[in-house]
Amino acid sequence: MTGNGKVSSRGINFLLCIIVFEKLTDKSIIAILNTMKREFAHNGYRFYDFIQGGILHTLEINCKVNFGWLFEVKTGGRKEYIYAGEKFKEIAPERYKNF
């Protein structure tokens, strides 16, 4: 936002780069998401573990998935296991440095 309460186009573009997703067509990524839904979320039942006082704590889910769940990726034909949150912290500053 600028000082006059209006949202700048640069701010809008920054947010859109982060929150707008392209259609997934990569079969490997789709398979990973399906596996995660099945294994981590137990098709939704796992989310009951994150309800406290009748409130679903999505930030805790996000942290658990991004920093506590290993993902297998292939880099140069070699298998590697990463935490998505750590990888994001590594690549995000370079990707969003101009915003």
C-alpha atoms as a PDB file:
ATOM      1  CA  MET A   1       0.000   0.000   0.000  1.00  0.00           C
ATOM      2  CA  THR A   2       1.081   3.536  -0.608  1.00  0.00           C
ATOM      3  CA  GLY A   3       0.765   6.282   1.978  1.00  0.00           C
ATOM      4  CA  ASN A   4      -2.656   7.338   0.661  1.00  0.00           C
ATOM      5  CA  GLY A   5      -4.265   3.960   1.381  1.00  0.00           C
ATOM      6  CA  LYS A   6      -4.229   2.767  -2.225  1.00  0.00           C
ATOM      7  CA  VAL A   7      -2.711  -0.545  -3.205  1.00  0.00           C
ATOM      8  CA  SER A   8       0.218  -0.204  -5.584  1.00  0.00           C
ATOM      9  CA  SER A   9       0.351  -2.280  -8.752  1.00  0.00           C
ATOM     10  CA  ARG A  10       3.773  -3.549  -7.660  1.00  0.00           C
ATOM     11  CA  GLY A  11       2.211  -4.854  -4.433  1.00  0.00           C
ATOM     12  CA  ILE A  12      -0.614  -6.529  -6.343  1.00  0.00           C
ATOM     13  CA  ASN A  13       1.834  -8.166  -8.750  1.00  0.00           C
ATOM     14  CA  PHE A  14       3.921  -9.419  -5.839  1.00  0.00           C
ATOM     15  CA  LEU A  15       0.909 -11.008  -4.165  1.00  0.00           C
ATOM     16  CA  LEU A  16      -0.351 -12.525  -7.400  1.00  0.00           C
ATOM     17  CA  CYS A  17       3.033 -14.153  -8.034  1.00  0.00           C
ATOM     18  CA  ILE A  18       2.749 -15.872  -4.696  1.00  0.00           C
ATOM     19  CA  ILE A  19      -0.945 -16.770  -4.503  1.00  0.00           C
ATOM     20  CA  VAL A  20      -1.877 -17.534  -8.121  1.00  0.00           C
ATOM     21  CA  PHE A  21      -1.041 -21.008  -9.314  1.00  0.00           C
ATOM     22  CA  GLU A  22      -0.832 -22.355 -12.812  1.00  0.00           C
ATOM     23  CA  LYS A  23      -2.755 -25.433 -13.849  1.00  0.00           C
ATOM     24  CA  LEU A  24      -0.826 -28.515 -12.811  1.00  0.00           C
ATOM     25  CA  THR A  25       0.124 -30.656 -15.774  1.00  0.00           C
ATOM     26  CA  ASP A  26       3.332 -32.241 -14.472  1.00  0.00           C
ATOM     27  CA  LYS A  27       2.353 -35.850 -13.743  1.00  0.00           C
ATOM     28  CA  SER A  28       5.161 -36.222 -11.210  1.00  0.00           C
ATOM     29  CA  ILE A  29       3.870 -33.301  -9.121  1.00  0.00           C
ATOM     30  CA  ILE A  30       0.290 -34.555  -9.371  1.00  0.00           C
ATOM     31  CA  ALA A  31       1.426 -38.003  -8.183  1.00  0.00           C
ATOM     32  CA  ILE A  32       3.269 -36.446  -5.232  1.00  0.00           C
ATOM     33  CA  LEU A  33       0.197 -34.447  -4.213  1.00  0.00           C
ATOM     34  CA  ASN A  34      -2.026 -37.517  -4.498  1.00  0.00           C
ATOM     35  CA  THR A  35       0.406 -39.563  -2.407  1.00  0.00           C
ATOM     36  CA  MET A  36       0.551 -36.820   0.181  1.00  0.00           C
ATOM     37  CA  LYS A  37      -3.228 -36.649   0.371  1.00  0.00           C
ATOM     38  CA  ARG A  38      -3.373 -40.394   0.880  1.00  0.00           C
ATOM     39  CA  GLU A  39      -0.419 -40.840   3.237  1.00  0.00           C
ATOM     40  CA  PHE A  40      -0.182 -37.616   5.242  1.00  0.00           C
ATOM     41  CA  ALA A  41      -3.786 -36.527   5.336  1.00  0.00           C
ATOM     42  CA  HIS A  42      -5.271 -40.038   5.368  1.00  0.00           C
ATOM     43  CA  ASN A  43      -7.822 -38.660   2.907  1.00  0.00           C
ATOM     44  CA  GLY A  44      -8.740 -35.904   5.359  1.00  0.00           C
ATOM     45  CA  TYR A  45      -8.935 -37.772   8.641  1.00  0.00           C
ATOM     46  CA  ARG A  46      -5.468 -36.572   9.738  1.00  0.00           C
ATOM     47  CA  PHE A  47      -6.767 -33.017   9.970  1.00  0.00           C
ATOM     48  CA  TYR A  48      -8.702 -33.934  13.098  1.00  0.00           C
ATOM     49  CA  ASP A  49      -5.282 -33.996  14.825  1.00  0.00           C
ATOM     50  CA  PHE A  50      -4.995 -30.273  14.169  1.00  0.00           C
ATOM     51  CA  ILE A  51      -8.329 -29.230  15.666  1.00  0.00           C
ATOM     52  CA  GLN A  52      -8.033 -27.505  19.025  1.00  0.00           C
ATOM     53  CA  GLY A  53     -11.026 -25.963  20.739  1.00  0.00           C
ATOM     54  CA  GLY A  54     -13.140 -26.557  17.647  1.00  0.00           C
ATOM     55  CA  ILE A  55     -10.715 -24.616  15.424  1.00  0.00           C
ATOM     56  CA  LEU A  56      -8.651 -26.130  12.619  1.00  0.00           C
ATOM     57  CA  HIS A  57      -5.103 -24.781  12.982  1.00  0.00           C
ATOM     58  CA  THR A  58      -3.969 -24.560   9.366  1.00  0.00           C
ATOM     59  CA  LEU A  59      -0.639 -22.902  10.195  1.00  0.00           C
ATOM     60  CA  GLU A  60       0.318 -26.003  12.176  1.00  0.00           C
ATOM     61  CA  ILE A  61      -0.657 -28.201   9.210  1.00  0.00           C
ATOM     62  CA  ASN A  62       1.431 -26.015   6.920  1.00  0.00           C
ATOM     63  CA  CYS A  63       4.476 -26.238   9.213  1.00  0.00           C
ATOM     64  CA  LYS A  64       4.094 -29.999   9.634  1.00  0.00           C
ATOM     65  CA  VAL A  65       3.841 -30.576   5.888  1.00  0.00           C
ATOM     66  CA  ASN A  66       6.577 -28.158   4.829  1.00  0.00           C
ATOM     67  CA  PHE A  67       9.130 -28.793   7.572  1.00  0.00           C
ATOM     68  CA  GLY A  68       8.279 -32.274   8.849  1.00  0.00           C
ATOM     69  CA  TRP A  69       7.430 -34.281   5.745  1.00  0.00           C
ATOM     70  CA  LEU A  70      10.163 -35.485   3.399  1.00  0.00           C
ATOM     71  CA  PHE A  71       9.620 -35.295  -0.343  1.00  0.00           C
ATOM     72  CA  GLU A  72      11.554 -37.297  -2.907  1.00  0.00           C
ATOM     73  CA  VAL A  73      12.831 -35.297  -5.874  1.00  0.00           C
ATOM     74  CA  LYS A  74      15.037 -36.294  -8.772  1.00  0.00           C
ATOM     75  CA  THR A  75      17.881 -33.937  -9.614  1.00  0.00           C
ATOM     76  CA  GLY A  76      20.093 -34.847 -12.525  1.00  0.00           C
ATOM     77  CA  GLY A  77      18.844 -38.448 -12.455  1.00  0.00           C
ATOM     78  CA  ARG A  78      19.661 -38.792  -8.764  1.00  0.00           C
ATOM     79  CA  LYS A  79      17.094 -39.218  -5.968  1.00  0.00           C
ATOM     80  CA  GLU A  80      17.198 -36.698  -3.175  1.00  0.00           C
ATOM     81  CA  TYR A  81      14.972 -36.161  -0.145  1.00  0.00           C
ATOM     82  CA  ILE A  82      14.071 -32.622   0.873  1.00  0.00           C
ATOM     83  CA  TYR A  83      11.786 -30.675   3.167  1.00  0.00           C
ATOM     84  CA  ALA A  84       9.704 -28.392   0.956  1.00  0.00           C
ATOM     85  CA  GLY A  85       9.884 -25.484   3.406  1.00  0.00           C
ATOM     86  CA  GLU A  86      13.667 -25.595   3.508  1.00  0.00           C
ATOM     87  CA  LYS A  87      13.855 -25.687  -0.293  1.00  0.00           C
ATOM     88  CA  PHE A  88      11.438 -22.741  -0.515  1.00  0.00           C
ATOM     89  CA  LYS A  89      13.574 -20.737   1.928  1.00  0.00           C
ATOM     90  CA  GLU A  90      16.550 -21.473  -0.284  1.00  0.00           C
ATOM     91  CA  ILE A  91      15.024 -20.433  -3.621  1.00  0.00           C
ATOM     92  CA  ALA A  92      12.455 -17.750  -2.660  1.00  0.00           C
ATOM     93  CA  PRO A  93      14.877 -14.846  -2.030  1.00  0.00           C
ATOM     94  CA  GLU A  94      16.312 -15.162  -5.544  1.00  0.00           C
ATOM     95  CA  ARG A  95      12.901 -15.672  -7.169  1.00  0.00           C
ATOM     96  CA  TYR A  96      11.237 -12.691  -5.463  1.00  0.00           C
ATOM     97  CA  LYS A  97      14.210 -10.329  -5.091  1.00  0.00           C
ATOM     98  CA  ASN A  98      12.752  -7.735  -7.492  1.00  0.00           C
ATOM     99  CA  PHE A  99       9.440  -7.389  -5.687  1.00  0.00           C
END
